[in-house]
Protein backbone atom coordinates (compact mmCIF):
# COMPACT_ATOMS: atom_id res chain seq x y z
CA MET A 1 -88.26 97.52 66.59
CA THR A 2 -90.32 95.06 68.54
CA ASP A 3 -90.09 95.05 72.32
CA GLY A 4 -88.60 91.55 72.27
CA PHE A 5 -85.89 92.62 69.86
CA LYS A 6 -85.19 95.80 71.85
CA ALA A 7 -84.74 93.82 75.07
CA TRP A 8 -82.54 91.27 73.31
CA MET A 9 -80.46 94.06 71.76
CA ARG A 10 -79.99 95.68 75.19
CA GLN A 11 -78.64 92.36 76.43
CA CYS A 12 -76.23 92.21 73.49
CA ASP A 13 -75.09 95.76 74.15
CA ASN A 14 -74.60 95.07 77.86
CA GLN A 15 -72.61 91.90 77.18
CA VAL A 16 -70.33 93.59 74.65
CA SER A 17 -69.80 96.48 77.05
CA ALA A 18 -68.93 94.13 79.91
CA LYS A 19 -66.52 92.25 77.65
CA ILE A 20 -64.56 95.11 76.05
CA GLY A 21 -65.77 98.38 77.57
CA LEU A 22 -67.53 99.54 74.40
CA GLY A 23 -71.15 98.88 73.52
CA ALA A 24 -72.41 97.05 70.46
CA PHE A 25 -73.53 100.36 68.96
CA ASP A 26 -69.99 101.74 69.24
CA LEU A 27 -68.66 99.08 66.87
CA PRO A 28 -69.20 98.49 63.14
CA ASP A 29 -72.69 97.34 62.21
CA ALA A 30 -73.61 93.71 62.56
CA THR A 31 -76.66 91.84 61.30
CA TRP A 32 -78.42 91.96 64.65
CA ARG A 33 -81.93 91.42 63.35
CA ASP A 34 -80.81 88.34 61.40
CA TYR A 35 -79.14 86.94 64.52
CA PHE A 36 -82.32 87.60 66.52
CA ASP A 37 -84.56 86.05 63.86
CA ASP A 38 -82.28 83.00 63.75
CA GLY A 39 -83.00 82.44 67.46
CA MET A 40 -79.50 83.17 68.70
CA THR A 41 -78.93 84.07 72.32
CA PRO A 42 -77.24 87.44 72.91
CA ALA A 43 -73.98 85.60 73.70
CA GLU A 44 -74.17 83.65 70.43
CA ALA A 45 -75.00 86.82 68.53
CA ILE A 46 -72.08 88.83 69.86
CA ASP A 47 -69.70 85.98 69.10
CA SER A 48 -71.10 85.86 65.56
CA ALA A 49 -70.77 89.64 65.26
CA TYR A 50 -67.16 89.32 66.36
CA MET A 51 -66.41 86.64 63.78
CA ASP A 52 -68.44 88.29 60.99
CA GLN A 53 -67.68 91.97 61.53
CA TRP A 54 -65.30 92.88 64.33
CA SER A 55 -62.40 90.42 64.26
CA ASP A 56 -60.36 92.78 62.07
CA GLU A 57 -61.01 95.62 64.52
CA ILE A 58 -60.64 93.87 67.89
CA PRO A 59 -57.66 91.57 68.55
CA ASP A 60 -58.47 88.04 69.74
CA ASP A 61 -56.55 88.54 72.98
CA ILE A 62 -58.87 91.40 73.94
CA TRP A 63 -62.08 89.69 72.82
CA TYR A 64 -61.33 86.38 74.50
CA SER A 65 -59.72 87.78 77.65
CA ASN A 66 -62.94 87.57 79.69
């Protein structure tokens, strides 16, 4: 992992944790490297991960409550 990707991934993990109390690594895998390579911000990436991977696991009212 490159340092830039590691720092970006830490931001994603922190934002997910602040949003739902679980970190990004506690949830089903998402295509993090693809999101990073596509130039997404951490906020854009976690929203994409929610739509692509987690929406069946996490109800909308929990995800969008913050």
